[in-house]
Amino acid sequence: KSKEYSLIILDLMMPQQSGFTTLKLIREDNQLKALPVLILSTRQISVEETGFLKQHEAQIMAKPFEPQRLLEKVREILA
């Protein structure tokens, strides 16, 4: 929080806390809640999880992907 960011790129599977929990905490934080979030994941996303991601205004990108595609997606989000 000590810096200003334009975008959060988040994986769903992290060692200490799930990406879903992290996304929920981001959206509850007044300083961070307006930031766009891009989720990167290799796992299958259930219908309920898709609803959660839409509710919390996160976009998702499936792994694997070409680095150029990630760059294009980031540019699209920030445009």
C-alpha atoms as a PDB file:
ATOM      1  CA  LYS A   1       0.000   0.000   0.000  1.00  0.00           C
ATOM      2  CA  SER A   2       2.974   2.319   0.230  1.00  0.00           C
ATOM      3  CA  LYS A   3       3.024   2.662  -3.579  1.00  0.00           C
ATOM      4  CA  GLU A   4       0.466   3.487  -6.210  1.00  0.00           C
ATOM      5  CA  TYR A   5      -0.440   0.775  -8.723  1.00  0.00           C
ATOM      6  CA  SER A   6      -2.504   0.684 -11.905  1.00  0.00           C
ATOM      7  CA  LEU A   7      -3.245  -3.051 -12.031  1.00  0.00           C
ATOM      8  CA  ILE A   8      -3.048  -6.128  -9.825  1.00  0.00           C
ATOM      9  CA  ILE A   9      -2.085  -9.433 -11.455  1.00  0.00           C
ATOM     10  CA  LEU A  10      -3.083 -12.278  -9.179  1.00  0.00           C
ATOM     11  CA  ASP A  11      -2.769 -16.057  -9.257  1.00  0.00           C
ATOM     12  CA  LEU A  12      -5.553 -18.104  -7.674  1.00  0.00           C
ATOM     13  CA  MET A  13      -3.228 -20.726  -6.221  1.00  0.00           C
ATOM     14  CA  MET A  14      -0.802 -19.161  -3.763  1.00  0.00           C
ATOM     15  CA  PRO A  15       0.964 -20.760  -0.789  1.00  0.00           C
ATOM     16  CA  GLN A  16      -0.357 -18.676   2.137  1.00  0.00           C
ATOM     17  CA  GLN A  17      -3.777 -17.533   0.992  1.00  0.00           C
ATOM     18  CA  SER A  18      -5.989 -18.277  -1.983  1.00  0.00           C
ATOM     19  CA  GLY A  19      -6.387 -15.766  -4.773  1.00  0.00           C
ATOM     20  CA  PHE A  20     -10.115 -15.684  -4.034  1.00  0.00           C
ATOM     21  CA  THR A  21      -9.445 -14.542  -0.467  1.00  0.00           C
ATOM     22  CA  THR A  22      -6.888 -12.018  -1.668  1.00  0.00           C
ATOM     23  CA  LEU A  23      -9.339 -10.625  -4.239  1.00  0.00           C
ATOM     24  CA  LYS A  24     -12.031 -10.285  -1.562  1.00  0.00           C
ATOM     25  CA  LEU A  25      -9.606  -8.402   0.701  1.00  0.00           C
ATOM     26  CA  ILE A  26      -8.579  -6.123  -2.177  1.00  0.00           C
ATOM     27  CA  ARG A  27     -12.208  -5.235  -2.884  1.00  0.00           C
ATOM     28  CA  GLU A  28     -12.839  -4.519   0.816  1.00  0.00           C
ATOM     29  CA  ASP A  29      -9.880  -2.110   1.008  1.00  0.00           C
ATOM     30  CA  ASN A  30     -10.788   1.507   0.227  1.00  0.00           C
ATOM     31  CA  GLN A  31      -7.315   2.236  -1.197  1.00  0.00           C
ATOM     32  CA  LEU A  32      -7.295  -0.783  -3.511  1.00  0.00           C
ATOM     33  CA  LYS A  33     -10.909  -1.579  -4.373  1.00  0.00           C
ATOM     34  CA  ALA A  34     -11.007   0.415  -7.608  1.00  0.00           C
ATOM     35  CA  LEU A  35      -7.880  -1.197  -9.068  1.00  0.00           C
ATOM     36  CA  PRO A  36      -8.404  -3.547 -11.999  1.00  0.00           C
ATOM     37  CA  VAL A  37      -7.489  -7.157 -11.197  1.00  0.00           C
ATOM     38  CA  LEU A  38      -6.316  -9.740 -13.710  1.00  0.00           C
ATOM     39  CA  ILE A  39      -6.426 -13.337 -12.499  1.00  0.00           C
ATOM     40  CA  LEU A  40      -3.975 -15.843 -13.992  1.00  0.00           C
ATOM     41  CA  SER A  41      -4.714 -19.508 -13.396  1.00  0.00           C
ATOM     42  CA  THR A  42      -4.240 -23.018 -14.724  1.00  0.00           C
ATOM     43  CA  ARG A  43      -7.111 -24.495 -12.737  1.00  0.00           C
ATOM     44  CA  GLN A  44     -10.650 -25.056 -13.885  1.00  0.00           C
ATOM     45  CA  ILE A  45     -12.970 -22.337 -12.598  1.00  0.00           C
ATOM     46  CA  SER A  46     -16.368 -23.509 -11.384  1.00  0.00           C
ATOM     47  CA  VAL A  47     -19.617 -21.685 -12.141  1.00  0.00           C
ATOM     48  CA  GLU A  48     -19.702 -20.390  -8.553  1.00  0.00           C
ATOM     49  CA  GLU A  49     -16.115 -19.173  -8.777  1.00  0.00           C
ATOM     50  CA  THR A  50     -16.828 -17.463 -12.097  1.00  0.00           C
ATOM     51  CA  GLY A  51     -19.727 -15.677 -10.423  1.00  0.00           C
ATOM     52  CA  PHE A  52     -17.452 -14.623  -7.569  1.00  0.00           C
ATOM     53  CA  LEU A  53     -14.871 -13.226 -10.001  1.00  0.00           C
ATOM     54  CA  LYS A  54     -17.546 -11.307 -11.928  1.00  0.00           C
ATOM     55  CA  GLN A  55     -19.046  -9.966  -8.701  1.00  0.00           C
ATOM     56  CA  HIS A  56     -15.612  -8.745  -7.632  1.00  0.00           C
ATOM     57  CA  GLU A  57     -14.895  -7.311 -11.108  1.00  0.00           C
ATOM     58  CA  ALA A  58     -11.854  -9.422 -11.914  1.00  0.00           C
ATOM     59  CA  GLN A  59     -10.842 -10.551 -15.372  1.00  0.00           C
ATOM     60  CA  ILE A  60      -9.332 -13.990 -15.872  1.00  0.00           C
ATOM     61  CA  MET A  61      -6.673 -15.311 -18.204  1.00  0.00           C
ATOM     62  CA  ALA A  62      -5.913 -19.012 -18.504  1.00  0.00           C
ATOM     63  CA  LYS A  63      -2.364 -20.339 -18.296  1.00  0.00           C
ATOM     64  CA  PRO A  64      -0.351 -21.180 -20.273  1.00  0.00           C
ATOM     65  CA  PHE A  65      -0.219 -18.132 -22.495  1.00  0.00           C
ATOM     66  CA  GLU A  66       2.307 -16.384 -24.679  1.00  0.00           C
ATOM     67  CA  PRO A  67       4.007 -13.389 -23.006  1.00  0.00           C
ATOM     68  CA  GLN A  68       2.780 -11.187 -25.860  1.00  0.00           C
ATOM     69  CA  ARG A  69      -0.841 -12.155 -25.092  1.00  0.00           C
ATOM     70  CA  LEU A  70      -0.373 -11.122 -21.448  1.00  0.00           C
ATOM     71  CA  LEU A  71       1.049  -7.794 -22.546  1.00  0.00           C
ATOM     72  CA  GLU A  72      -1.918  -7.269 -24.894  1.00  0.00           C
ATOM     73  CA  LYS A  73      -4.371  -8.085 -22.091  1.00  0.00           C
ATOM     74  CA  VAL A  74      -2.665  -5.670 -19.687  1.00  0.00           C
ATOM     75  CA  ARG A  75      -2.772  -2.913 -22.315  1.00  0.00           C
ATOM     76  CA  GLU A  76      -6.455  -3.657 -22.959  1.00  0.00           C
ATOM     77  CA  ILE A  77      -7.309  -3.420 -19.259  1.00  0.00           C
ATOM     78  CA  LEU A  78      -5.367  -0.197 -18.759  1.00  0.00           C
ATOM     79  CA  ALA A  79      -6.744   1.507 -21.896  1.00  0.00           C
END
